[in-house]
C-alpha atoms as a PDB file:
ATOM      1  CA  MET A   1     -89.256 191.597-289.841  1.00  0.00           C
ATOM      2  CA  SER A   2     -87.390 190.476-286.675  1.00  0.00           C
ATOM      3  CA  LYS A   3     -83.604 190.303-286.676  1.00  0.00           C
ATOM      4  CA  SER A   4     -81.541 187.137-286.263  1.00  0.00           C
ATOM      5  CA  TYR A   5     -78.554 186.495-284.027  1.00  0.00           C
ATOM      6  CA  GLU A   6     -76.238 187.091-286.932  1.00  0.00           C
ATOM      7  CA  ASP A   7     -78.037 190.480-287.818  1.00  0.00           C
ATOM      8  CA  TYR A   8     -77.398 191.718-284.271  1.00  0.00           C
ATOM      9  CA  GLU A   9     -73.770 190.455-284.451  1.00  0.00           C
ATOM     10  CA  ARG A  10     -73.134 192.395-287.678  1.00  0.00           C
ATOM     11  CA  ASP A  11     -74.698 195.544-286.211  1.00  0.00           C
ATOM     12  CA  TYR A  12     -72.526 195.087-283.024  1.00  0.00           C
ATOM     13  CA  GLN A  13     -69.348 194.795-285.108  1.00  0.00           C
ATOM     14  CA  SER A  14     -70.276 197.879-287.143  1.00  0.00           C
ATOM     15  CA  TYR A  15     -70.852 199.959-283.998  1.00  0.00           C
ATOM     16  CA  LEU A  16     -67.427 198.788-282.574  1.00  0.00           C
ATOM     17  CA  SER A  17     -65.674 199.699-285.794  1.00  0.00           C
ATOM     18  CA  ARG A  18     -67.120 203.171-285.741  1.00  0.00           C
ATOM     19  CA  ILE A  19     -66.229 203.659-282.057  1.00  0.00           C
ATOM     20  CA  ARG A  20     -62.634 202.619-282.533  1.00  0.00           C
ATOM     21  CA  SER A  21     -62.349 204.844-285.571  1.00  0.00           C
ATOM     22  CA  PHE A  22     -63.545 207.834-283.502  1.00  0.00           C
ATOM     23  CA  LEU A  23     -61.207 207.009-280.661  1.00  0.00           C
ATOM     24  CA  ALA A  24     -58.247 206.647-283.126  1.00  0.00           C
ATOM     25  CA  SER A  25     -58.836 210.199-284.390  1.00  0.00           C
ATOM     26  CA  THR A  26     -59.099 213.583-282.693  1.00  0.00           C
ATOM     27  CA  ARG A  27     -61.425 213.186-279.690  1.00  0.00           C
ATOM     28  CA  SER A  28     -63.789 216.044-279.566  1.00  0.00           C
ATOM     29  CA  GLN A  29     -66.825 216.264-277.260  1.00  0.00           C
ATOM     30  CA  SER A  30     -69.086 215.560-280.191  1.00  0.00           C
ATOM     31  CA  THR A  31     -67.237 212.402-281.216  1.00  0.00           C
ATOM     32  CA  LEU A  32     -67.157 211.205-277.652  1.00  0.00           C
ATOM     33  CA  LEU A  33     -70.877 211.729-277.318  1.00  0.00           C
ATOM     34  CA  GLU A  34     -71.354 209.736-280.538  1.00  0.00           C
ATOM     35  CA  CYS A  35     -69.076 207.066-279.040  1.00  0.00           C
ATOM     36  CA  GLU A  36     -71.357 206.895-275.924  1.00  0.00           C
ATOM     37  CA  ARG A  37     -74.394 206.573-278.206  1.00  0.00           C
ATOM     38  CA  LEU A  38     -72.835 203.767-280.236  1.00  0.00           C
ATOM     39  CA  LEU A  39     -71.784 201.999-277.063  1.00  0.00           C
ATOM     40  CA  ALA A  40     -75.372 202.025-275.889  1.00  0.00           C
ATOM     41  CA  GLU A  41     -76.485 200.687-279.300  1.00  0.00           C
ATOM     42  CA  ALA A  42     -73.739 197.977-279.115  1.00  0.00           C
ATOM     43  CA  ARG A  43     -74.852 196.992-275.512  1.00  0.00           C
ATOM     44  CA  GLU A  44     -78.410 196.638-276.730  1.00  0.00           C
ATOM     45  CA  CYS A  45     -77.177 194.331-279.551  1.00  0.00           C
ATOM     46  CA  VAL A  46     -75.353 192.257-277.019  1.00  0.00           C
ATOM     47  CA  THR A  47     -78.360 192.011-274.708  1.00  0.00           C
ATOM     48  CA  ALA A  48     -80.515 190.933-277.681  1.00  0.00           C
ATOM     49  CA  MET A  49     -77.931 188.274-278.764  1.00  0.00           C
ATOM     50  CA  GLN A  50     -77.717 186.838-275.313  1.00  0.00           C
ATOM     51  CA  ALA A  51     -81.530 186.632-275.002  1.00  0.00           C
ATOM     52  CA  MET A  52     -81.840 184.976-278.385  1.00  0.00           C
ATOM     53  CA  ALA A  53     -79.067 182.472-277.496  1.00  0.00           C
ATOM     54  CA  GLU A  54     -80.699 181.607-274.268  1.00  0.00           C
ATOM     55  CA  VAL A  55     -84.075 181.007-276.059  1.00  0.00           C
ATOM     56  CA  GLU A  56     -82.320 178.772-278.485  1.00  0.00           C
ATOM     57  CA  GLY A  57     -80.552 176.911-275.677  1.00  0.00           C
ATOM     58  CA  ASN A  58     -77.126 177.541-277.316  1.00  0.00           C
ATOM     59  CA  ALA A  59     -74.669 177.675-274.488  1.00  0.00           C
ATOM     60  CA  PHE A  60     -71.738 178.620-276.731  1.00  0.00           C
ATOM     61  CA  LYS A  61     -73.552 181.761-278.119  1.00  0.00           C
ATOM     62  CA  THR A  62     -74.740 182.722-274.677  1.00  0.00           C
ATOM     63  CA  GLN A  63     -71.231 182.574-273.269  1.00  0.00           C
ATOM     64  CA  GLU A  64     -69.862 184.488-276.275  1.00  0.00           C
ATOM     65  CA  ALA A  65     -72.465 187.283-275.913  1.00  0.00           C
ATOM     66  CA  GLN A  66     -71.474 187.597-272.232  1.00  0.00           C
ATOM     67  CA  ASN A  67     -67.815 187.708-273.144  1.00  0.00           C
ATOM     68  CA  LEU A  68     -68.510 190.633-275.486  1.00  0.00           C
ATOM     69  CA  LEU A  69     -69.169 192.897-272.601  1.00  0.00           C
ATOM     70  CA  ARG A  70     -65.858 192.161-270.822  1.00  0.00           C
ATOM     71  CA  ARG A  71     -63.868 191.820-273.925  1.00  0.00           C
ATOM     72  CA  ASP A  72     -64.934 194.912-275.941  1.00  0.00           C
ATOM     73  CA  LEU A  73     -67.516 197.178-274.332  1.00  0.00           C
ATOM     74  CA  VAL A  74     -66.055 197.653-270.891  1.00  0.00           C
ATOM     75  CA  PRO A  75     -62.522 198.694-272.102  1.00  0.00           C
ATOM     76  CA  LEU A  76     -64.042 200.992-274.741  1.00  0.00           C
ATOM     77  CA  GLN A  77     -66.505 202.475-272.278  1.00  0.00           C
ATOM     78  CA  GLU A  78     -63.734 203.123-269.754  1.00  0.00           C
ATOM     79  CA  GLU A  79     -61.573 204.823-272.467  1.00  0.00           C
ATOM     80  CA  VAL A  80     -64.525 207.049-273.600  1.00  0.00           C
ATOM     81  CA  ALA A  81     -65.146 208.050-269.963  1.00  0.00           C
ATOM     82  CA  ARG A  82     -61.416 208.812-269.380  1.00  0.00           C
ATOM     83  CA  SER A  83     -61.503 210.967-272.551  1.00  0.00           C
ATOM     84  CA  ARG A  84     -64.541 212.810-271.382  1.00  0.00           C
ATOM     85  CA  ARG A  85     -62.933 213.600-267.988  1.00  0.00           C
ATOM     86  CA  SER A  86     -59.812 214.914-269.671  1.00  0.00           C
ATOM     87  CA  GLY A  87     -61.867 217.285-271.830  1.00  0.00           C
ATOM     88  CA  GLY A  88     -61.563 215.503-275.105  1.00  0.00           C
ATOM     89  CA  ASN A  89     -59.809 218.422-276.824  1.00  0.00           C
ATOM     90  CA  ALA A  90     -56.612 216.730-277.768  1.00  0.00           C
ATOM     91  CA  PRO A  91     -55.972 213.113-278.747  1.00  0.00           C
ATOM     92  CA  GLU A  92     -54.618 211.280-275.703  1.00  0.00           C
ATOM     93  CA  GLU A  93     -51.691 208.918-275.835  1.00  0.00           C
ATOM     94  CA  VAL A  94     -53.330 205.684-275.109  1.00  0.00           C
ATOM     95  CA  ASN A  95     -52.286 202.029-275.465  1.00  0.00           C
ATOM     96  CA  ARG A  96     -54.074 200.864-278.600  1.00  0.00           C
ATOM     97  CA  GLU A  97     -54.034 197.359-277.170  1.00  0.00           C
ATOM     98  CA  ASP A  98     -56.538 198.517-274.580  1.00  0.00           C
ATOM     99  CA  LEU A  99     -58.944 199.390-277.369  1.00  0.00           C
ATOM    100  CA  PHE A 100     -58.475 196.234-279.442  1.00  0.00           C
ATOM    101  CA  TYR A 101     -57.571 193.855-276.621  1.00  0.00           C
ATOM    102  CA  ARG A 102     -58.635 190.276-277.062  1.00  0.00           C
ATOM    103  CA  PRO A 103     -58.373 188.354-273.812  1.00  0.00           C
ATOM    104  CA  PRO A 104     -57.615 184.593-273.850  1.00  0.00           C
ATOM    105  CA  MET A 105     -60.619 182.365-273.831  1.00  0.00           C
ATOM    106  CA  GLY A 106     -61.840 181.149-270.553  1.00  0.00           C
ATOM    107  CA  LEU A 107     -61.966 177.489-269.428  1.00  0.00           C
ATOM    108  CA  ASP A 108     -65.649 177.206-270.173  1.00  0.00           C
ATOM    109  CA  GLN A 109     -65.210 178.642-273.708  1.00  0.00           C
ATOM    110  CA  VAL A 110     -62.145 176.390-274.356  1.00  0.00           C
ATOM    111  CA  SER A 111     -64.228 173.423-273.235  1.00  0.00           C
ATOM    112  CA  THR A 112     -67.182 174.525-275.363  1.00  0.00           C
ATOM    113  CA  THR A 113     -64.827 175.044-278.350  1.00  0.00           C
ATOM    114  CA  GLN A 114     -63.213 171.660-277.839  1.00  0.00           C
ATOM    115  CA  SER A 115     -66.639 170.082-277.668  1.00  0.00           C
ATOM    116  CA  LEU A 116     -67.646 171.714-280.924  1.00  0.00           C
ATOM    117  CA  MET A 117     -64.420 170.603-282.583  1.00  0.00           C
ATOM    118  CA  GLN A 118     -65.077 167.047-281.367  1.00  0.00           C
ATOM    119  CA  SER A 119     -68.599 167.248-282.668  1.00  0.00           C
ATOM    120  CA  SER A 120     -67.335 168.572-286.005  1.00  0.00           C
ATOM    121  CA  GLU A 121     -64.813 165.635-286.182  1.00  0.00           C
ATOM    122  CA  ASP A 122     -67.533 163.109-285.370  1.00  0.00           C
ATOM    123  CA  LEU A 123     -69.731 164.624-288.119  1.00  0.00           C
ATOM    124  CA  LEU A 124     -66.777 164.520-290.533  1.00  0.00           C
ATOM    125  CA  ARG A 125     -66.186 160.861-289.769  1.00  0.00           C
ATOM    126  CA  GLU A 126     -69.806 160.091-290.093  1.00  0.00           C
ATOM    127  CA  SER A 127     -69.933 161.953-293.467  1.00  0.00           C
ATOM    128  CA  GLN A 128     -66.865 160.001-294.601  1.00  0.00           C
ATOM    129  CA  SER A 129     -68.591 156.767-293.609  1.00  0.00           C
ATOM    130  CA  LEU A 130     -71.779 157.782-295.403  1.00  0.00           C
ATOM    131  CA  VAL A 131     -69.637 158.637-298.546  1.00  0.00           C
ATOM    132  CA  ALA A 132     -67.874 155.211-298.283  1.00  0.00           C
ATOM    133  CA  ASN A 133     -71.346 153.440-297.937  1.00  0.00           C
ATOM    134  CA  SER A 134     -72.624 155.432-300.870  1.00  0.00           C
ATOM    135  CA  GLU A 135     -69.599 154.400-303.007  1.00  0.00           C
ATOM    136  CA  ASN A 136     -70.124 150.810-301.978  1.00  0.00           C
ATOM    137  CA  ILE A 137     -73.840 150.980-302.900  1.00  0.00           C
ATOM    138  CA  GLY A 138     -72.935 152.699-306.182  1.00  0.00           C
ATOM    139  CA  MET A 139     -70.449 149.925-307.116  1.00  0.00           C
ATOM    140  CA  SER A 140     -72.892 147.250-306.123  1.00  0.00           C
ATOM    141  CA  THR A 141     -75.632 148.933-308.227  1.00  0.00           C
ATOM    142  CA  LEU A 142     -73.259 149.223-311.224  1.00  0.00           C
ATOM    143  CA  THR A 143     -72.371 145.505-310.816  1.00  0.00           C
ATOM    144  CA  GLN A 144     -76.053 144.500-310.727  1.00  0.00           C
ATOM    145  CA  MET A 145     -76.759 146.686-313.729  1.00  0.00           C
ATOM    146  CA  GLY A 146     -73.800 144.935-315.536  1.00  0.00           C
ATOM    147  CA  VAL A 147     -75.207 141.491-314.711  1.00  0.00           C
ATOM    148  CA  GLN A 148     -78.720 142.574-315.753  1.00  0.00           C
ATOM    149  CA  ARG A 149     -77.361 143.948-318.992  1.00  0.00           C
ATOM    150  CA  GLU A 150     -75.630 140.645-319.772  1.00  0.00           C
ATOM    151  CA  GLN A 151     -78.844 138.748-318.942  1.00  0.00           C
ATOM    152  CA  MET A 152     -80.841 141.076-321.232  1.00  0.00           C
ATOM    153  CA  GLN A 153     -78.168 140.563-323.986  1.00  0.00           C
ATOM    154  CA  ILE A 154     -78.513 136.759-323.567  1.00  0.00           C
ATOM    155  CA  ALA A 155     -82.330 137.035-323.570  1.00  0.00           C
ATOM    156  CA  SER A 156     -82.130 139.230-326.773  1.00  0.00           C
ATOM    157  CA  ASP A 157     -79.855 136.688-328.391  1.00  0.00           C
ATOM    158  CA  ASN A 158     -82.181 133.878-327.434  1.00  0.00           C
ATOM    159  CA  LEU A 159     -85.136 135.863-328.811  1.00  0.00           C
ATOM    160  CA  ASN A 160     -83.224 136.426-332.080  1.00  0.00           C
ATOM    161  CA  ASP A 161     -82.485 132.704-332.287  1.00  0.00           C
ATOM    162  CA  THR A 162     -86.122 131.864-331.574  1.00  0.00           C
ATOM    163  CA  VAL A 163     -87.226 134.256-334.373  1.00  0.00           C
ATOM    164  CA  ASN A 164     -84.810 132.752-336.868  1.00  0.00           C
ATOM    165  CA  ALA A 165     -85.908 129.214-335.927  1.00  0.00           C
ATOM    166  CA  THR A 166     -89.556 130.259-336.366  1.00  0.00           C
ATOM    167  CA  ALA A 167     -88.788 131.729-339.761  1.00  0.00           C
ATOM    168  CA  GLN A 168     -87.022 128.543-340.775  1.00  0.00           C
ATOM    169  CA  ALA A 169     -89.870 126.432-339.559  1.00  0.00           C
ATOM    170  CA  ARG A 170     -92.265 128.621-341.474  1.00  0.00           C
ATOM    171  CA  MET A 171     -90.203 128.105-344.715  1.00  0.00           C
ATOM    172  CA  ILE A 172     -90.086 124.342-344.112  1.00  0.00           C
ATOM    173  CA  LEU A 173     -93.855 124.235-343.593  1.00  0.00           C
ATOM    174  CA  LYS A 174     -94.385 126.216-346.643  1.00  0.00           C
ATOM    175  CA  LYS A 175     -92.302 123.798-348.683  1.00  0.00           C
ATOM    176  CA  MET A 176     -94.150 120.832-347.136  1.00  0.00           C
ATOM    177  CA  ARG A 177     -97.479 122.400-348.104  1.00  0.00           C
ATOM    178  CA  THR A 178     -96.330 122.958-351.657  1.00  0.00           C
ATOM    179  CA  LYS A 179     -95.021 119.456-351.902  1.00  0.00           C
ATOM    180  CA  LEU A 180     -98.311 118.020-350.460  1.00  0.00           C
ATOM    181  CA  LEU A 181    -100.278 120.068-352.905  1.00  0.00           C
ATOM    182  CA  LYS A 182     -98.192 118.644-355.762  1.00  0.00           C
ATOM    183  CA  SER A 183     -98.676 115.168-354.401  1.00  0.00           C
ATOM    184  CA  LYS A 184    -102.418 115.687-354.314  1.00  0.00           C
ATOM    185  CA  LEU A 185    -102.577 116.995-357.811  1.00  0.00           C
ATOM    186  CA  PHE A 186    -100.552 113.966-358.935  1.00  0.00           C
ATOM    187  CA  LEU A 187    -102.892 111.527-357.217  1.00  0.00           C
ATOM    188  CA  TYR A 188    -105.878 113.341-358.624  1.00  0.00           C
ATOM    189  CA  ALA A 189    -104.315 112.970-362.152  1.00  0.00           C
ATOM    190  CA  MET A 190    -103.627 109.273-361.590  1.00  0.00           C
ATOM    191  CA  ILE A 191    -107.246 108.745-360.305  1.00  0.00           C
ATOM    192  CA  ALA A 192    -108.567 110.548-363.396  1.00  0.00           C
ATOM    193  CA  ALA A 193    -106.358 108.458-365.669  1.00  0.00           C
ATOM    194  CA  LEU A 194    -107.444 105.206-364.042  1.00  0.00           C
ATOM    195  CA  LEU A 195    -111.058 106.180-364.270  1.00  0.00           C
ATOM    196  CA  PHE A 196    -110.570 106.927-367.958  1.00  0.00           C
ATOM    197  CA  LEU A 197    -108.862 103.608-368.540  1.00  0.00           C
ATOM    198  CA  ASN A 198    -111.537 101.750-366.582  1.00  0.00           C
ATOM    199  CA  GLY A 199    -114.147 103.466-368.691  1.00  0.00           C
ATOM    200  CA  PHE A 200    -112.297 102.604-371.851  1.00  0.00           C
ATOM    201  CA  VAL A 201    -111.950  98.890-370.801  1.00  0.00           C
ATOM    202  CA  LEU A 202    -115.607  98.665-369.816  1.00  0.00           C
ATOM    203  CA  ARG A 203    -116.652 100.168-373.143  1.00  0.00           C
ATOM    204  CA  ALA A 204    -114.475  97.723-374.986  1.00  0.00           C
ATOM    205  CA  ILE A 205    -115.952  94.833-373.009  1.00  0.00           C
ATOM    206  CA  TRP A 206    -119.411  96.077-373.650  1.00  0.00           C
ATOM    207  CA  LYS A 207    -118.878  96.354-377.433  1.00  0.00           C
ATOM    208  CA  LYS A 208    -117.434  92.886-377.553  1.00  0.00           C
ATOM    209  CA  HIS A 209    -120.448  91.329-375.939  1.00  0.00           C
ATOM    210  CA  HIS A 210    -122.829  93.186-378.253  1.00  0.00           C
ATOM    211  CA  LYS A 211    -121.036  91.972-381.305  1.00  0.00           C
ATOM    212  CA  GLN A 212    -121.448  88.343-380.345  1.00  0.00           C
END
């Protein structure tokens, strides 16, 4: 599995930490040889970081990788070489700032940093604008949902009123049917009574004519 820029950077920092630890202790020939080996490994990491940054087209990372050589490796390499020439048997009084020196950023790096900060501020403002728009959309959605809820409540009330009116109309129709049925029965009874009376009258008339 291929390493990323960050993997090489972690390895580089690990090599530098070990080199500085060796140089801060008793400097024997074996530790100085190990320092040279670690310096070579660190230089390979820097070369890989610079190549990957150039492939990505990241100018900031490319400049940072180039600065690592001047900022870290060159002073450490000179200190190791000086210790080798002195024999490396006793710890040498050295200025620790030479080992851990961090020179000020160059104009290109400052410009790149300012550009990145400006881009970050633009992204922050854009994010704040998106958040504000999202809040407005959320409030608008909540308002619409409230209106729709009221409309649904009104529709539900209207539906309940319609159901109640339908039930009342059904009861009225039922009463009307019952009343109509009673009226029909009464009429049938009256018709039957009239037919009976007509029959009785006709029979009486018939008897009267036959007696004469």
